[in-house]
Protein backbone atom coordinates (compact mmCIF):
# COMPACT_ATOMS: atom_id res chain seq x y z
CA UNK A 1 0.00 0.00 0.00
CA UNK A 2 1.47 3.33 -0.96
CA UNK A 3 2.33 5.81 1.76
CA UNK A 4 4.36 8.87 2.49
CA UNK A 5 7.96 8.50 3.87
CA UNK A 6 8.36 8.52 7.66
CA UNK A 7 10.67 11.28 8.95
CA UNK A 8 13.69 9.86 10.76
CA UNK A 9 13.17 6.54 9.07
CA UNK A 10 13.02 4.88 5.69
CA UNK A 11 16.72 5.54 5.06
CA UNK A 12 17.77 5.41 1.47
CA UNK A 13 14.12 4.65 0.38
CA UNK A 14 12.43 8.04 0.56
CA UNK A 15 12.48 8.61 -3.18
CA UNK A 16 11.00 5.27 -4.00
CA UNK A 17 8.25 5.53 -1.33
CA UNK A 18 7.24 9.04 -2.45
CA UNK A 19 7.10 8.05 -6.13
CA UNK A 20 4.90 5.09 -5.29
CA UNK A 21 2.51 7.39 -3.37
CA UNK A 22 2.25 10.01 -6.11
CA UNK A 23 1.78 7.42 -8.84
CA UNK A 24 -1.58 6.54 -7.34
CA UNK A 25 -3.19 9.91 -8.31
CA UNK A 26 -0.79 11.31 -10.92
CA UNK A 27 0.48 10.20 -14.26
CA UNK A 28 4.21 10.15 -15.09
CA UNK A 29 3.82 13.51 -16.84
CA UNK A 30 2.37 15.07 -13.69
CA UNK A 31 -1.28 15.17 -14.83
CA UNK A 32 -4.02 14.10 -12.41
CA UNK A 33 -5.45 10.63 -12.83
CA UNK A 34 -9.42 10.28 -13.06
CA UNK A 35 -11.20 7.88 -10.76
CA UNK A 36 -13.99 5.55 -11.99
CA UNK A 37 -16.66 7.66 -10.22
CA UNK A 38 -15.41 10.81 -11.82
CA UNK A 39 -15.31 9.12 -15.19
CA UNK A 40 -18.91 7.88 -14.80
CA UNK A 41 -20.15 11.31 -13.65
CA UNK A 42 -18.41 13.00 -16.53
CA UNK A 43 -19.94 10.54 -18.99
CA UNK A 44 -23.42 11.14 -17.56
CA UNK A 45 -22.99 14.88 -17.71
CA UNK A 46 -21.82 14.69 -21.29
CA UNK A 47 -24.86 12.60 -22.23
CA UNK A 48 -27.24 15.05 -20.57
CA UNK A 49 -25.62 17.92 -22.36
CA UNK A 50 -26.04 16.14 -25.67
CA UNK A 51 -29.74 15.40 -24.99
CA UNK A 52 -30.32 19.01 -23.97
CA UNK A 53 -28.68 20.24 -27.12
CA UNK A 54 -30.83 17.89 -29.23
CA UNK A 55 -34.04 19.05 -27.49
CA UNK A 56 -33.08 22.68 -27.96
CA UNK A 57 -32.47 22.07 -31.65
CA UNK A 58 -35.86 20.40 -32.00
CA UNK A 59 -37.63 23.24 -30.15
CA UNK A 60 -35.98 25.83 -32.34
CA UNK A 61 -37.09 24.04 -35.49
CA UNK A 62 -40.24 25.71 -37.09
CA UNK A 63 -43.10 23.88 -38.88
CA UNK A 64 -44.11 25.66 -42.07
CA UNK A 65 -47.96 25.51 -42.35
CA UNK A 66 -49.07 25.01 -45.94
CA UNK A 67 -51.59 27.53 -47.25
CA UNK A 68 -54.25 24.82 -47.55
CA UNK A 69 -53.84 23.63 -43.96
CA UNK A 70 -51.99 20.73 -42.34
CA UNK A 71 -51.77 17.78 -44.74
CA UNK A 72 -53.03 14.50 -43.40
CA UNK A 73 -49.60 12.95 -44.06
CA UNK A 74 -48.03 15.35 -41.55
CA UNK A 75 -50.13 13.88 -38.75
CA UNK A 76 -49.42 10.69 -36.89
CA UNK A 77 -51.34 7.61 -37.94
CA UNK A 78 -53.24 7.58 -34.62
CA UNK A 79 -54.43 11.15 -35.10
CA UNK A 80 -55.40 10.41 -38.70
CA UNK A 81 -57.52 7.46 -37.61
CA UNK A 82 -59.32 9.46 -34.91
CA UNK A 83 -60.17 12.32 -37.25
CA UNK A 84 -61.34 10.06 -40.05
CA UNK A 85 -63.74 8.06 -37.87
CA UNK A 86 -65.28 11.33 -36.63
CA UNK A 87 -66.05 12.66 -40.12
CA UNK A 88 -69.49 12.58 -41.71
CA UNK A 89 -70.45 8.94 -42.13
CA UNK A 90 -67.68 7.88 -39.74
CA UNK A 91 -67.97 5.20 -37.12
CA UNK A 92 -67.48 7.28 -33.98
CA UNK A 93 -70.96 7.73 -32.41
CA UNK A 94 -69.75 10.50 -30.07
CA UNK A 95 -68.25 12.67 -32.82
CA UNK A 96 -69.86 16.03 -33.74
CA UNK A 97 -70.13 16.27 -37.50
CA UNK A 98 -70.47 19.38 -39.63
CA UNK A 99 -74.09 20.54 -39.51
CA UNK A 100 -74.94 18.71 -36.28
CA UNK A 101 -75.12 21.99 -34.34
CA UNK A 102 -76.12 24.56 -37.00
CA UNK A 103 -76.12 24.91 -40.75
CA UNK A 104 -74.10 28.07 -41.25
CA UNK A 105 -74.96 29.59 -44.63
CA UNK A 106 -71.32 30.64 -44.97
CA UNK A 107 -70.32 26.97 -44.86
CA UNK A 108 -72.37 26.60 -48.02
CA UNK A 109 -70.72 29.50 -49.81
CA UNK A 110 -72.63 32.57 -48.65
CA UNK A 111 -70.50 35.71 -48.44
CA UNK A 112 -72.81 38.26 -46.78
CA UNK A 113 -70.91 41.30 -48.02
CA UNK A 114 -73.90 43.22 -49.42
CA UNK A 115 -72.75 42.72 -53.03
CA UNK A 116 -72.52 38.99 -53.74
CA UNK A 117 -75.64 37.05 -54.76
CA UNK A 118 -75.98 34.47 -51.97
CA UNK A 119 -79.12 32.79 -53.35
CA UNK A 120 -77.48 29.47 -54.24
CA UNK A 121 -75.66 29.20 -50.92
CA UNK A 122 -78.82 29.91 -48.92
CA UNK A 123 -80.74 27.39 -51.03
CA UNK A 124 -78.04 24.79 -50.37
CA UNK A 125 -78.33 25.33 -46.60
CA UNK A 126 -82.12 24.99 -46.83
CA UNK A 127 -81.72 21.79 -48.83
CA UNK A 128 -79.35 20.37 -46.23
CA UNK A 129 -81.90 21.20 -43.53
CA UNK A 130 -84.50 19.26 -45.49
CA UNK A 131 -82.26 16.20 -45.44
CA UNK A 132 -81.75 16.32 -41.66
CA UNK A 133 -83.63 13.53 -39.90
CA UNK A 134 -84.74 15.66 -36.95
CA UNK A 135 -84.75 19.18 -38.33
CA UNK A 136 -82.01 21.77 -38.32
CA UNK A 137 -81.12 25.36 -37.46
CA UNK A 138 -80.02 27.49 -40.41
CA UNK A 139 -77.80 30.27 -39.13
CA UNK A 140 -77.04 33.60 -40.80
CA UNK A 141 -73.93 35.13 -39.16
CA UNK A 142 -73.61 38.93 -39.04
CA UNK A 143 -73.63 40.26 -42.58
CA UNK A 144 -75.72 41.58 -45.46
CA UNK A 145 -77.04 38.77 -47.68
CA UNK A 146 -78.59 39.33 -51.09
CA UNK A 147 -80.97 36.75 -52.52
CA UNK A 148 -83.54 36.41 -55.27
CA UNK A 149 -85.76 34.76 -52.64
CA UNK A 150 -88.23 31.94 -52.85
CA UNK A 151 -86.75 30.09 -49.86
CA UNK A 152 -89.19 27.52 -48.42
CA UNK A 153 -88.31 26.18 -44.97
CA UNK A 154 -88.46 22.40 -44.66
CA UNK A 155 -90.54 20.99 -41.83
CA UNK A 156 -88.94 21.32 -38.39
CA UNK A 157 -86.28 23.71 -39.68
CA UNK A 158 -85.60 27.16 -38.26
CA UNK A 159 -83.81 30.28 -39.45
CA UNK A 160 -81.88 32.47 -37.04
CA UNK A 161 -79.79 35.55 -37.56
CA UNK A 162 -77.42 37.35 -35.23
CA UNK A 163 -79.96 40.11 -34.50
CA UNK A 164 -82.05 42.68 -36.34
CA UNK A 165 -79.12 45.10 -36.47
CA UNK A 166 -76.50 42.48 -37.37
CA UNK A 167 -78.05 40.19 -39.99
CA UNK A 168 -79.84 41.62 -43.06
CA UNK A 169 -81.38 39.63 -45.92
CA UNK A 170 -82.39 41.61 -49.01
CA UNK A 171 -84.85 40.24 -51.55
CA UNK A 172 -83.45 41.40 -54.89
CA UNK A 173 -85.15 39.18 -57.46
CA UNK A 174 -88.61 38.68 -58.86
CA UNK A 175 -89.76 36.03 -56.39
CA UNK A 176 -92.92 37.01 -54.56
CA UNK A 177 -91.55 36.06 -51.14
CA UNK A 178 -88.30 35.93 -49.21
CA UNK A 179 -89.07 33.17 -46.69
CA UNK A 180 -92.04 30.79 -46.64
CA UNK A 181 -93.19 28.52 -43.83
CA UNK A 182 -95.45 25.76 -45.07
CA UNK A 183 -95.89 23.34 -47.96
CA UNK A 184 -95.05 24.23 -51.52
CA UNK A 185 -98.66 23.47 -52.49
CA UNK A 186 -101.92 23.33 -50.53
CA UNK A 187 -102.25 20.25 -48.32
CA UNK A 188 -105.75 20.74 -46.96
CA UNK A 189 -107.21 19.89 -43.58
CA UNK A 190 -105.77 19.09 -41.16
CA UNK A 191 -102.91 21.44 -41.87
CA UNK A 192 -99.43 19.91 -41.61
CA UNK A 193 -97.34 20.56 -38.50
CA UNK A 194 -94.22 22.31 -39.76
CA UNK A 195 -93.01 23.66 -36.39
CA UNK A 196 -90.80 26.32 -38.00
CA UNK A 197 -89.22 29.40 -36.48
CA UNK A 198 -87.65 32.51 -38.02
CA UNK A 199 -85.93 34.97 -35.70
CA UNK A 200 -83.37 37.69 -35.13
CA UNK A 201 -82.84 39.30 -38.51
CA UNK A 202 -83.87 42.11 -40.84
CA UNK A 203 -85.49 41.43 -44.22
CA UNK A 204 -85.61 44.06 -46.94
CA UNK A 205 -87.85 44.22 -50.01
CA UNK A 206 -87.68 46.28 -53.17
CA UNK A 207 -90.69 48.53 -52.67
CA UNK A 208 -93.90 49.00 -50.74
CA UNK A 209 -95.98 49.88 -53.79
CA UNK A 210 -99.36 48.37 -54.54
CA UNK A 211 -98.06 47.08 -57.86
CA UNK A 212 -95.38 45.00 -56.13
CA UNK A 213 -96.24 41.49 -55.01
CA UNK A 214 -93.40 40.76 -52.63
CA UNK A 215 -93.92 39.32 -49.15
CA UNK A 216 -91.31 39.22 -46.42
CA UNK A 217 -92.41 36.17 -44.41
CA UNK A 218 -95.27 33.98 -45.61
CA UNK A 219 -96.82 31.50 -43.14
CA UNK A 220 -98.96 29.20 -45.27
CA UNK A 221 -101.35 26.29 -44.52
CA UNK A 222 -99.44 24.89 -41.55
CA UNK A 223 -99.50 24.62 -37.79
CA UNK A 224 -97.13 25.74 -35.03
CA UNK A 225 -94.97 28.43 -36.62
CA UNK A 226 -93.04 31.08 -34.68
CA UNK A 227 -91.73 34.49 -35.70
CA UNK A 228 -89.57 36.50 -33.30
CA UNK A 229 -87.48 39.67 -33.42
CA UNK A 230 -87.84 40.44 -37.13
CA UNK A 231 -87.65 43.85 -38.83
CA UNK A 232 -89.25 43.95 -42.29
CA UNK A 233 -89.55 46.88 -44.68
CA UNK A 234 -90.08 47.56 -48.36
CA UNK A 235 -92.67 44.84 -49.05
CA UNK A 236 -96.26 44.81 -50.24
CA UNK A 237 -96.94 42.54 -47.23
CA UNK A 238 -94.33 42.33 -44.50
CA UNK A 239 -95.93 39.36 -42.73
CA UNK A 240 -98.60 37.24 -44.47
CA UNK A 241 -100.58 34.64 -42.53
CA UNK A 242 -102.47 32.56 -45.09
CA UNK A 243 -104.89 29.68 -44.47
CA UNK A 244 -104.30 28.44 -47.97
CA UNK A 245 -107.51 28.79 -49.99
CA UNK A 246 -108.76 31.82 -51.85
CA UNK A 247 -112.23 33.25 -51.44
CA UNK A 248 -114.09 34.76 -48.54
CA UNK A 249 -115.29 31.67 -46.69
CA UNK A 250 -112.86 28.73 -46.95
CA UNK A 251 -114.13 25.60 -45.28
CA UNK A 252 -111.51 22.92 -45.58
CA UNK A 253 -108.02 24.36 -45.13
CA UNK A 254 -106.43 26.65 -42.60
CA UNK A 255 -103.28 27.65 -40.74
CA UNK A 256 -102.84 28.33 -37.06
CA UNK A 257 -101.17 27.65 -33.79
CA UNK A 258 -98.78 30.47 -34.63
CA UNK A 259 -96.95 32.92 -32.41
CA UNK A 260 -95.23 36.18 -33.26
CA UNK A 261 -93.47 38.60 -30.95
CA UNK A 262 -91.48 41.81 -31.40
CA UNK A 263 -92.17 42.03 -35.13
CA UNK A 264 -91.56 45.42 -36.78
CA UNK A 265 -93.20 46.19 -40.14
CA UNK A 266 -91.89 49.55 -41.37
CA UNK A 267 -92.80 51.24 -44.67
CA UNK A 268 -94.73 48.34 -46.17
CA UNK A 269 -98.08 48.56 -47.92
CA UNK A 270 -99.55 46.10 -45.39
CA UNK A 271 -97.79 45.32 -42.14
CA UNK A 272 -99.66 42.23 -40.94
CA UNK A 273 -102.11 40.48 -43.29
CA UNK A 274 -104.37 37.65 -42.11
CA UNK A 275 -106.23 36.01 -44.99
CA UNK A 276 -108.39 32.93 -45.49
CA UNK A 277 -108.80 30.75 -42.39
CA UNK A 278 -106.32 31.61 -39.62
CA UNK A 279 -106.97 30.25 -36.14
CA UNK A 280 -105.38 30.15 -32.68
CA UNK A 281 -102.58 32.58 -33.49
CA UNK A 282 -101.16 35.24 -31.15
CA UNK A 283 -99.20 38.39 -31.96
CA UNK A 284 -97.48 40.09 -29.03
CA UNK A 285 -95.81 43.54 -29.07
CA UNK A 286 -95.87 43.95 -32.84
CA UNK A 287 -95.62 47.32 -34.59
CA UNK A 288 -96.54 48.64 -38.05
CA UNK A 289 -95.50 52.00 -39.42
CA UNK A 290 -96.08 53.36 -42.90
CA UNK A 291 -97.78 55.88 -45.12
CA UNK A 292 -99.23 56.22 -48.56
CA UNK A 293 -102.41 55.34 -50.36
CA UNK A 294 -103.81 51.97 -49.39
CA UNK A 295 -101.38 51.36 -46.54
CA UNK A 296 -102.68 49.29 -43.62
CA UNK A 297 -101.14 48.28 -40.34
CA UNK A 298 -103.26 45.19 -39.61
CA UNK A 299 -105.61 43.68 -42.20
CA UNK A 300 -107.86 40.83 -41.06
CA UNK A 301 -109.99 39.19 -43.72
CA UNK A 302 -111.50 35.79 -44.36
CA UNK A 303 -112.00 33.58 -41.31
CA UNK A 304 -109.65 35.05 -38.72
CA UNK A 305 -110.79 33.18 -35.60
CA UNK A 306 -109.78 32.72 -31.96
CA UNK A 307 -106.70 34.88 -32.43
CA UNK A 308 -105.15 37.27 -29.92
CA UNK A 309 -103.47 40.61 -30.58
CA UNK A 310 -101.75 41.89 -27.45
CA UNK A 311 -99.92 45.19 -27.17
CA UNK A 312 -99.91 45.77 -30.93
CA UNK A 313 -99.43 49.25 -32.39
CA UNK A 314 -99.91 51.09 -35.70
CA UNK A 315 -98.76 54.53 -36.77
CA UNK A 316 -99.04 56.72 -39.86
CA UNK A 317 -101.06 54.29 -42.01
CA UNK A 318 -103.98 55.27 -44.22
CA UNK A 319 -105.93 52.57 -42.31
CA UNK A 320 -104.61 51.53 -38.94
CA UNK A 321 -106.71 48.41 -38.40
CA UNK A 322 -108.92 47.00 -41.17
CA UNK A 323 -111.13 44.27 -39.71
CA UNK A 324 -113.05 42.42 -42.41
CA UNK A 325 -113.93 38.99 -41.02
CA UNK A 326 -116.62 36.81 -42.57
CA UNK A 327 -118.26 33.45 -42.03
CA UNK A 328 -119.18 31.99 -38.67
CA UNK A 329 -115.88 32.35 -36.85
CA UNK A 330 -115.48 34.60 -33.82
CA UNK A 331 -113.40 35.13 -30.74
CA UNK A 332 -110.72 37.59 -31.83
CA UNK A 333 -109.36 39.42 -28.79
CA UNK A 334 -107.54 42.77 -28.85
CA UNK A 335 -105.70 43.76 -25.67
CA UNK A 336 -104.37 47.33 -25.52
CA UNK A 337 -104.16 47.94 -29.26
CA UNK A 338 -102.65 51.36 -30.00
CA UNK A 339 -103.17 53.71 -32.95
CA UNK A 340 -101.47 56.99 -33.80
CA UNK A 341 -101.78 59.41 -36.72
CA UNK A 342 -103.68 57.13 -39.10
CA UNK A 343 -106.13 58.62 -41.61
CA UNK A 344 -108.72 55.99 -40.61
CA UNK A 345 -107.80 54.56 -37.21
CA UNK A 346 -110.15 51.55 -37.36
CA UNK A 347 -112.14 50.34 -40.36
CA UNK A 348 -114.85 47.83 -39.46
CA UNK A 349 -116.02 45.74 -42.37
CA UNK A 350 -116.81 42.45 -40.70
CA UNK A 351 -119.86 40.20 -40.72
CA UNK A 352 -121.42 38.52 -37.72
CA UNK A 353 -118.15 37.89 -35.94
CA UNK A 354 -117.36 38.84 -32.39
CA UNK A 355 -114.33 40.71 -31.12
CA UNK A 356 -113.35 41.73 -27.62
CA UNK A 357 -111.38 44.94 -27.31
CA UNK A 358 -109.78 45.75 -23.96
CA UNK A 359 -107.88 48.94 -23.24
CA UNK A 360 -107.67 50.27 -26.80
CA UNK A 361 -106.33 53.74 -27.54
CA UNK A 362 -106.27 56.10 -30.50
CA UNK A 363 -104.87 59.62 -30.79
CA UNK A 364 -107.84 60.75 -32.92
CA UNK A 365 -110.42 59.66 -30.32
CA UNK A 366 -112.87 62.37 -29.34
CA UNK A 367 -116.05 61.57 -27.46
CA UNK A 368 -116.40 58.12 -29.04
CA UNK A 369 -113.71 55.54 -29.70
CA UNK A 370 -113.04 54.56 -33.33
CA UNK A 371 -112.81 51.01 -32.01
CA UNK A 372 -116.56 50.91 -31.46
CA UNK A 373 -118.70 52.15 -34.37
CA UNK A 374 -121.72 50.09 -33.45
CA UNK A 375 -123.23 49.83 -36.93
CA UNK A 376 -120.31 47.77 -38.26
CA UNK A 377 -118.51 46.15 -35.33
CA UNK A 378 -120.90 43.24 -35.10
CA UNK A 379 -121.18 41.34 -31.83
CA UNK A 380 -118.35 43.19 -30.16
CA UNK A 381 -117.73 43.38 -26.45
CA UNK A 382 -115.52 46.23 -25.23
CA UNK A 383 -114.12 46.92 -21.80
CA UNK A 384 -112.83 50.33 -20.78
CA UNK A 385 -110.96 51.50 -23.85
CA UNK A 386 -109.63 55.05 -24.10
CA UNK A 387 -109.99 55.24 -20.32
CA UNK A 388 -113.79 55.62 -20.51
CA UNK A 389 -116.86 54.21 -22.19
CA UNK A 390 -117.82 55.76 -25.55
CA UNK A 391 -120.40 58.50 -25.34
CA UNK A 392 -123.46 58.97 -27.57
CA UNK A 393 -126.32 61.45 -27.34
CA UNK A 394 -128.91 58.71 -28.00
CA UNK A 395 -128.76 54.96 -28.09
CA UNK A 396 -128.95 53.15 -31.44
CA UNK A 397 -131.52 50.42 -31.92
CA UNK A 398 -130.61 47.39 -29.84
CA UNK A 399 -129.86 44.45 -32.15
CA UNK A 400 -127.62 41.41 -32.22
CA UNK A 401 -124.87 43.62 -33.61
CA UNK A 402 -124.68 45.61 -30.38
CA UNK A 403 -124.92 42.71 -27.95
CA UNK A 404 -122.39 43.23 -25.17
CA UNK A 405 -121.63 46.81 -26.20
CA UNK A 406 -121.65 49.59 -23.61
CA UNK A 407 -122.51 53.23 -24.22
CA UNK A 408 -122.66 56.20 -21.91
CA UNK A 409 -125.47 58.70 -22.50
CA UNK A 410 -124.62 62.04 -20.87
CA UNK A 411 -127.29 63.56 -18.68
CA UNK A 412 -128.28 67.17 -18.47
CA UNK A 413 -129.73 69.55 -15.96
CA UNK A 414 -131.34 67.41 -13.30
CA UNK A 415 -130.68 64.21 -15.28
CA UNK A 416 -127.91 61.80 -14.39
CA UNK A 417 -125.73 60.00 -16.92
CA UNK A 418 -126.76 56.49 -17.91
CA UNK A 419 -124.43 53.60 -18.68
CA UNK A 420 -126.16 51.19 -21.00
CA UNK A 421 -125.30 47.63 -22.02
CA UNK A 422 -126.95 45.82 -24.93
CA UNK A 423 -128.37 42.47 -23.81
CA UNK A 424 -130.45 39.66 -25.25
CA UNK A 425 -133.76 39.17 -23.52
CA UNK A 426 -135.19 35.77 -22.60
CA UNK A 427 -137.41 35.78 -25.67
CA UNK A 428 -134.44 36.43 -28.01
CA UNK A 429 -135.03 40.15 -28.48
CA UNK A 430 -132.43 42.80 -27.68
CA UNK A 431 -132.60 45.81 -25.40
CA UNK A 432 -130.41 48.39 -23.67
CA UNK A 433 -130.15 48.11 -19.89
CA UNK A 434 -129.00 51.09 -17.83
CA UNK A 435 -126.41 49.64 -15.47
CA UNK A 436 -126.55 52.70 -13.23
CA UNK A 437 -130.30 52.27 -12.84
CA UNK A 438 -129.86 49.15 -10.74
CA UNK A 439 -130.70 50.25 -7.19
CA UNK A 440 -127.62 50.69 -5.04
CA UNK A 441 -128.99 50.57 -1.51
CA UNK A 442 -132.08 52.70 -2.30
CA UNK A 443 -135.34 51.77 -0.56
CA UNK A 444 -138.15 50.07 -2.46
CA UNK A 445 -141.03 52.53 -2.19
CA UNK A 446 -143.73 50.62 -4.07
CA UNK A 447 -144.24 47.53 -6.19
CA UNK A 448 -147.10 45.93 -8.08
CA UNK A 449 -147.47 42.88 -10.27
CA UNK A 450 -150.23 42.26 -12.75
CA UNK A 451 -150.64 38.76 -14.21
CA UNK A 452 -154.09 37.85 -15.45
CA UNK A 453 -154.73 34.14 -15.91
CA UNK A 454 -155.53 34.72 -19.54
CA UNK A 455 -153.29 37.03 -21.50
CA UNK A 456 -154.96 40.23 -22.58
CA UNK A 457 -154.33 43.32 -24.59
CA UNK A 458 -154.69 46.51 -22.52
CA UNK A 459 -157.00 49.04 -24.10
CA UNK A 460 -154.86 51.31 -26.26
CA UNK A 461 -155.49 52.84 -29.63
CA UNK A 462 -153.45 50.61 -32.01
CA UNK A 463 -152.45 53.47 -34.33
CA UNK A 464 -152.17 56.35 -31.86
CA UNK A 465 -149.15 58.57 -32.50
CA UNK A 466 -149.54 60.33 -29.14
CA UNK A 467 -148.87 58.77 -25.79
CA UNK A 468 -151.82 57.39 -23.86
CA UNK A 469 -152.12 55.28 -20.73
CA UNK A 470 -151.39 51.65 -21.54
CA UNK A 471 -153.62 50.36 -18.70
CA UNK A 472 -154.50 52.99 -16.08
CA UNK A 473 -156.33 50.40 -14.01
CA UNK A 474 -153.66 47.74 -13.68
CA UNK A 475 -150.42 49.56 -14.60
CA UNK A 476 -150.67 52.47 -12.18
CA UNK A 477 -148.54 52.77 -9.03
CA UNK A 478 -148.66 55.24 -6.11
CA UNK A 479 -145.88 56.20 -3.68
CA UNK A 480 -144.58 58.98 -1.46
CA UNK A 481 -141.52 60.87 -2.74
CA UNK A 482 -138.34 60.18 -0.71
CA UNK A 483 -136.15 62.83 0.91
CA UNK A 484 -133.85 62.85 -2.13
CA UNK A 485 -136.70 63.94 -4.40
CA UNK A 486 -135.58 61.33 -6.95
CA UNK A 487 -136.98 57.92 -7.83
CA UNK A 488 -136.17 55.08 -10.20
CA UNK A 489 -139.16 53.55 -12.01
CA UNK A 490 -138.86 50.13 -13.60
CA UNK A 491 -141.38 48.25 -15.71
CA UNK A 492 -140.71 44.69 -16.86
CA UNK A 493 -142.64 41.79 -18.31
CA UNK A 494 -144.81 43.55 -20.88
CA UNK A 495 -144.75 42.03 -24.34
CA UNK A 496 -145.01 44.45 -27.25
CA UNK A 497 -145.77 43.37 -30.79
CA UNK A 498 -145.38 45.73 -33.71
CA UNK A 499 -147.30 45.25 -36.93
CA UNK A 500 -145.73 48.31 -38.54
CA UNK A 501 -143.78 51.36 -37.42
CA UNK A 502 -142.08 51.74 -34.04
CA UNK A 503 -143.44 51.44 -30.52
CA UNK A 504 -142.52 53.79 -27.65
CA UNK A 505 -143.11 53.72 -23.90
CA UNK A 506 -143.06 56.53 -21.36
CA UNK A 507 -144.22 57.50 -17.87
CA UNK A 508 -147.44 59.49 -17.38
CA UNK A 509 -149.05 61.17 -14.40
CA UNK A 510 -152.71 62.30 -14.38
CA UNK A 511 -152.88 61.89 -18.16
CA UNK A 512 -149.79 64.06 -18.75
CA UNK A 513 -146.44 62.82 -20.10
CA UNK A 514 -143.52 63.03 -17.66
CA UNK A 515 -140.67 64.78 -19.59
CA UNK A 516 -137.57 62.78 -20.43
CA UNK A 517 -139.10 59.35 -19.87
CA UNK A 518 -139.86 58.17 -23.42
CA UNK A 519 -137.98 55.21 -24.94
CA UNK A 520 -138.12 53.14 -28.13
CA UNK A 521 -139.05 49.54 -27.29
CA UNK A 522 -139.97 47.77 -30.55
CA UNK A 523 -139.17 48.23 -34.23
CA UNK A 524 -140.48 45.14 -36.06
CA UNK A 525 -143.30 42.62 -36.18
CA UNK A 526 -141.96 40.33 -33.44
CA UNK A 527 -143.00 40.08 -29.84
CA UNK A 528 -140.60 41.89 -27.51
CA UNK A 529 -140.58 41.16 -23.80
CA UNK A 530 -139.30 44.57 -22.91
CA UNK A 531 -138.04 46.35 -19.83
CA UNK A 532 -137.81 50.06 -19.25
CA UNK A 533 -136.08 51.98 -16.45
CA UNK A 534 -136.09 55.71 -15.94
CA UNK A 535 -134.93 58.07 -13.20
CA UNK A 536 -137.22 60.98 -12.29
CA UNK A 537 -135.87 63.87 -10.25
CA UNK A 538 -137.25 67.10 -8.82
CA UNK A 539 -140.05 65.52 -6.76
CA UNK A 540 -141.27 67.17 -3.57
CA UNK A 541 -140.13 65.03 -0.63
CA UNK A 542 -143.08 63.59 1.32
CA UNK A 543 -145.64 64.32 -1.42
CA UNK A 544 -147.79 61.57 -2.97
CA UNK A 545 -147.37 60.66 -6.65
CA UNK A 546 -149.13 58.26 -9.00
CA UNK A 547 -147.55 57.12 -12.27
CA UNK A 548 -148.93 55.06 -15.11
CA UNK A 549 -147.21 53.58 -18.13
CA UNK A 550 -147.74 55.22 -21.50
CA UNK A 551 -147.63 53.84 -25.04
CA UNK A 552 -147.68 55.10 -28.65
CA UNK A 553 -146.62 54.19 -32.19
CA UNK A 554 -144.50 56.18 -34.64
CA UNK A 555 -147.06 56.80 -37.38
CA UNK A 556 -150.78 56.46 -38.00
CA UNK A 557 -150.31 53.45 -40.28
CA UNK A 558 -148.50 51.51 -37.57
CA UNK A 559 -150.20 49.22 -35.11
CA UNK A 560 -148.98 47.89 -31.79
CA UNK A 561 -150.25 45.45 -29.22
CA UNK A 562 -149.32 45.19 -25.55
CA UNK A 563 -149.77 41.69 -24.13
CA UNK A 564 -149.81 40.69 -20.45
CA UNK A 565 -150.57 37.55 -18.48
CA UNK A 566 -150.82 33.86 -19.09
CA UNK A 567 -148.27 31.17 -18.37
CA UNK A 568 -145.07 32.29 -20.08
CA UNK A 569 -143.15 29.20 -18.97
CA UNK A 570 -145.72 26.92 -20.58
CA UNK A 571 -145.74 28.98 -23.75
CA UNK A 572 -149.39 29.91 -23.40
CA UNK A 573 -148.94 33.54 -22.41
CA UNK A 574 -146.55 36.37 -21.67
CA UNK A 575 -146.21 36.40 -17.89
CA UNK A 576 -146.61 39.14 -15.32
CA UNK A 577 -146.01 42.83 -15.77
CA UNK A 578 -144.17 44.34 -12.79
CA UNK A 579 -143.77 47.97 -11.74
CA UNK A 580 -141.29 49.10 -9.08
CA UNK A 581 -140.42 52.47 -7.55
CA UNK A 582 -137.07 52.83 -5.78
CA UNK A 583 -135.63 55.76 -3.91
CA UNK A 584 -132.76 57.14 -5.97
């Protein structure tokens, strides 16, 4: 074992011992020998350095992407297999294929730059939607798309834009519509269930002239369509709802179950057109603005039935609302319809169809709402439009046309207003009933009932044109005037039959007519079981009064009969005549 020399010893061997010791760690040339551990560590370090240099070289290398995308050959075989099985027709059931989420019209070649004709691309997207097993969503990204139109949505397909201010579709060609929901040709009844939706875009036509035939959106002979957030202008008809058969009274085809909300029809000849048989459709918060000869905001014709128009509004049209319904359908409800600055706010041209109007308003309204011209708005019921009931100076003849209508007749000096509702009597006749005449806590001062076993005709001159007592013996009632000096008289149960002319009733006292109590009760040759109520004021409290019922006809050629008594329930008479006096 090598060692260092020992001082004081190792005589004559120091040189040899020291050389042996140094030779362990040094070479003969004086360089330091490497141990096995150092050699191994150095080798490991050199290998790591080499690997690091290789990795750095690889990281610094750049892949040049071809202009057409990454070629399949540049991908690993595993990646290629995964992508190929996920393609259309591939075997991966969890893969999302092109068109599974939306059919983007730009994927089919649409440009949307406001200059390119995108008709073919849009048609291709619609065709792809028609091939989808469970329907599809056709999406128009933000842009301005030009098309010659004629696009018919397949069943269960929907169109959606990016918003009315982001997606515009302009109809540039000669087609008479931009988008159509429904079959290409009439199907009949029952209508097919297309379940389509168009939403969130602007559609633009070429003109709003009467000579043009273009329609923005056409819902035709189908059920369950939806229109939402659409702005349409420049069409003859912005939105057309069509049952599918021409004529005024279609009987075998229709469209319905539709819903439209936030639809804006601006500068079109007709904003919203309902034609033929449309049923069970609701429009909510829809607006029409326009001007010019023949322009209309809402036009209802044909059999528009059981539809609802809620919060709709028109402005600036020649005719705001043109209601021209025919046939036997009824049940159209208007809730808070609004009109402003239209030449004719409401044009009634409908047959025997009923409408209910609640909370309507019109800027041209004076003392009577344009929503309620009684002679044309057949079978309409109105509730508090314009903030008050319409006012007339005299009531029109009560007929089926006025049933459910309410009019206010202003009073005068010493005469209170009356609020009158048109009702159908038990015998099928019609009469006005003063709602305010129903006693509200007033005392019953007197009452009589006259019901002879056999019906009779009280002695009156059949052709008298001046009032006379109808039956002073049996239809005369006495009472003492209340402290208010006002009373309400009511007569009910008399049957009046006119042969010709008109029949009138009034109140008489001592053979003299009481002013302001006359009323028209019959106008034709039928029997009318009539009622008459009248308020009389200015009486002396505590004084006795006796009133009888008066009767006359309108001209000397007319004849009238008053019939009382018998068993009305059995059909052998007319029932009792009743007179009541209430404190008012």
